[in-house]
Amino acid sequence: MLEIGVKAPDFTLLDKNGEKVSLKDYLGKKVVLYFYPKDNTPGCTRQACAFARNHGAFSEKNVIVIGISKDSVSSHLKFAEKYELPFILLSDPELEAIKAYDVWQEKKLYGKVSMGVVRTTYIINEEGVIEKVYKKVKPDDNALEILEYLN
């Protein structure tokens, strides 16, 4: 995991519409950058829907929410349309940002070991520096935890 006080690694990835989005585009704004394993899975859907439900509160605070997984652009588009997700979803099939933010790690499930995205959220300040890190995030609590922190 990256630590508080570290310059957030820049990246350029495609959003659900195939448009390029770079982290540096949001300098001057606070960014909630959350990494999640897979579109349309129960935990990831609950987490995304919680961010969607609270999108107005994030917008009022001038905070940009960005979700990243290794799913394809078309998967993100379907996911966003199905659940009416109003924030940015970025596709990282090459694991560029996922590895830069150190969230590609060994995971154990039912005794089986594999590599995958560890659900993690970073808050990046207006200068592009990591301000807060949420490790091993609980999908149902993450959005509200962050809003509480931002108050």
Protein backbone atom coordinates (compact mmCIF):
# COMPACT_ATOMS: atom_id res chain seq x y z
CA MET A 1 0.00 0.00 0.00
CA LEU A 2 1.07 3.55 -0.59
CA GLU A 3 1.36 5.70 2.49
CA ILE A 4 -0.07 9.05 3.54
CA GLY A 5 2.09 11.96 2.36
CA VAL A 6 3.26 10.20 -0.83
CA LYS A 7 2.70 11.85 -4.21
CA ALA A 8 -0.13 9.92 -5.88
CA PRO A 9 1.13 8.17 -9.03
CA ASP A 10 -0.39 9.69 -12.17
CA PHE A 11 -2.09 7.46 -14.71
CA THR A 12 -4.10 7.73 -17.90
CA LEU A 13 -6.83 5.13 -18.37
CA LEU A 14 -10.02 4.78 -20.40
CA ASP A 15 -13.41 5.49 -18.85
CA LYS A 16 -16.67 3.66 -19.60
CA ASN A 17 -17.03 5.68 -22.84
CA GLY A 18 -13.51 4.97 -24.07
CA GLU A 19 -12.30 8.51 -23.21
CA LYS A 20 -8.86 9.04 -21.69
CA VAL A 21 -8.84 10.23 -18.08
CA SER A 22 -5.68 11.20 -16.19
CA LEU A 23 -5.35 11.76 -12.47
CA LYS A 24 -3.50 15.02 -13.19
CA ASP A 25 -6.72 16.36 -14.79
CA TYR A 26 -8.06 16.73 -11.24
CA LEU A 27 -5.25 18.67 -9.60
CA GLY A 28 -6.90 21.39 -7.52
CA LYS A 29 -9.70 19.03 -6.46
CA LYS A 30 -9.87 16.33 -3.83
CA VAL A 31 -10.17 12.84 -5.35
CA VAL A 32 -11.57 9.66 -3.83
CA LEU A 33 -9.80 6.89 -5.76
CA TYR A 34 -11.16 3.45 -5.03
CA PHE A 35 -9.92 0.14 -6.36
CA TYR A 36 -12.29 -2.80 -6.52
CA PRO A 37 -12.03 -6.40 -7.80
CA LYS A 38 -14.83 -6.85 -10.37
CA ASP A 39 -17.93 -5.27 -11.88
CA ASN A 40 -21.30 -6.84 -11.05
CA THR A 41 -20.12 -8.89 -8.08
CA PRO A 42 -22.07 -8.51 -4.82
CA GLY A 43 -19.52 -6.54 -2.77
CA CYS A 44 -18.38 -4.35 -5.65
CA THR A 45 -21.97 -3.57 -6.61
CA ARG A 46 -22.85 -2.59 -3.03
CA GLN A 47 -19.78 -0.37 -2.81
CA ALA A 48 -20.51 1.33 -6.16
CA CYS A 49 -24.18 1.85 -5.28
CA ALA A 50 -23.19 3.43 -1.93
CA PHE A 51 -20.96 5.89 -3.79
CA ALA A 52 -23.82 6.55 -6.23
CA ARG A 53 -26.33 7.18 -3.41
CA ASN A 54 -23.93 9.66 -1.83
CA HIS A 55 -22.73 11.26 -5.06
CA GLY A 56 -24.55 14.52 -4.31
CA ALA A 57 -22.75 14.87 -0.98
CA PHE A 58 -19.37 14.29 -2.66
CA SER A 59 -20.24 16.81 -5.40
CA GLU A 60 -21.25 19.43 -2.82
CA LYS A 61 -17.77 19.08 -1.32
CA ASN A 62 -16.22 19.39 -4.81
CA VAL A 63 -14.82 15.84 -4.46
CA ILE A 64 -14.29 13.65 -7.53
CA VAL A 65 -15.02 9.91 -7.14
CA ILE A 66 -13.11 7.50 -9.39
CA GLY A 67 -13.46 3.71 -9.32
CA ILE A 68 -10.82 1.48 -10.95
CA SER A 69 -10.85 -2.23 -11.73
CA LYS A 70 -9.25 -4.40 -14.38
CA ASP A 71 -12.62 -4.88 -16.12
CA SER A 72 -13.03 -3.75 -19.73
CA VAL A 73 -14.48 -0.45 -20.93
CA SER A 74 -17.62 -2.27 -22.14
CA SER A 75 -18.03 -4.03 -18.77
CA HIS A 76 -17.81 -0.65 -17.01
CA LEU A 77 -20.39 0.85 -19.37
CA LYS A 78 -22.87 -1.96 -18.66
CA PHE A 79 -22.17 -1.78 -14.91
CA ALA A 80 -22.63 2.01 -14.82
CA GLU A 81 -25.84 1.87 -16.88
CA LYS A 82 -27.34 -1.01 -14.89
CA TYR A 83 -26.84 0.73 -11.52
CA GLU A 84 -26.97 4.38 -12.72
CA LEU A 85 -23.48 5.12 -11.46
CA PRO A 86 -22.84 8.88 -11.84
CA PHE A 87 -19.09 8.84 -11.14
CA ILE A 88 -16.00 7.90 -13.16
CA LEU A 89 -15.14 4.24 -13.70
CA LEU A 90 -11.75 3.51 -15.25
CA SER A 91 -10.60 0.34 -16.97
CA ASP A 92 -7.12 -0.94 -16.06
CA PRO A 93 -6.68 -4.31 -17.82
CA GLU A 94 -2.89 -3.86 -17.95
CA LEU A 95 -2.83 -3.23 -14.17
CA GLU A 96 -0.98 0.09 -14.65
CA ALA A 97 -2.67 2.03 -11.83
CA ILE A 98 -3.56 -1.11 -9.86
CA LYS A 99 0.14 -1.98 -9.49
CA ALA A 100 1.28 1.64 -9.08
CA TYR A 101 -1.06 1.93 -6.07
CA ASP A 102 0.10 -1.46 -4.73
CA VAL A 103 -3.37 -3.03 -4.62
CA TRP A 104 -2.49 -6.08 -6.79
CA GLN A 105 -1.73 -8.58 -4.05
CA GLU A 106 -1.94 -12.19 -3.02
CA LYS A 107 -5.42 -13.10 -1.83
CA LYS A 108 -6.68 -16.20 -0.08
CA LEU A 109 -10.20 -17.50 -0.62
CA TYR A 110 -11.30 -20.87 0.75
CA GLY A 111 -7.66 -21.88 1.12
CA LYS A 112 -6.86 -21.05 -2.51
CA VAL A 113 -4.17 -18.43 -3.13
CA SER A 114 -4.38 -16.13 -6.15
CA MET A 115 -3.43 -12.62 -7.20
CA GLY A 116 -6.11 -9.97 -7.32
CA VAL A 117 -7.18 -6.45 -6.45
CA VAL A 118 -7.40 -5.79 -2.72
CA ARG A 119 -10.32 -3.41 -2.12
CA THR A 120 -8.58 -0.14 -1.18
CA THR A 121 -9.53 3.54 -1.21
CA TYR A 122 -7.20 6.52 -1.34
CA ILE A 123 -8.12 10.14 -0.70
CA ILE A 124 -5.85 12.37 -2.76
CA ASN A 125 -5.64 16.05 -1.84
CA GLU A 126 -5.75 19.06 -4.15
CA GLU A 127 -1.95 18.96 -4.60
CA GLY A 128 -1.99 15.32 -5.74
CA VAL A 129 -0.70 13.88 -2.45
CA ILE A 130 -2.24 10.91 -0.66
CA GLU A 131 -4.10 12.27 2.36
CA LYS A 132 -5.81 9.12 3.67
CA VAL A 133 -5.72 5.38 2.98
CA TYR A 134 -8.50 2.88 3.64
CA LYS A 135 -7.18 -0.69 3.50
CA LYS A 136 -9.29 -3.85 3.25
CA VAL A 137 -12.39 -1.73 2.80
CA LYS A 138 -15.87 -2.91 3.75
CA PRO A 139 -18.04 -2.26 0.66
CA ASP A 140 -21.13 -1.17 2.61
CA ASP A 141 -19.29 1.33 4.84
CA ASN A 142 -16.68 2.91 2.57
CA ALA A 143 -18.62 5.87 1.07
CA LEU A 144 -20.04 6.97 4.44
CA GLU A 145 -16.66 6.54 6.18
CA ILE A 146 -15.12 8.88 3.65
CA LEU A 147 -17.90 11.47 3.91
CA GLU A 148 -17.52 11.41 7.69
CA TYR A 149 -13.78 11.96 7.31
CA LEU A 150 -14.34 14.86 4.87
CA ASN A 151 -16.72 16.70 7.26
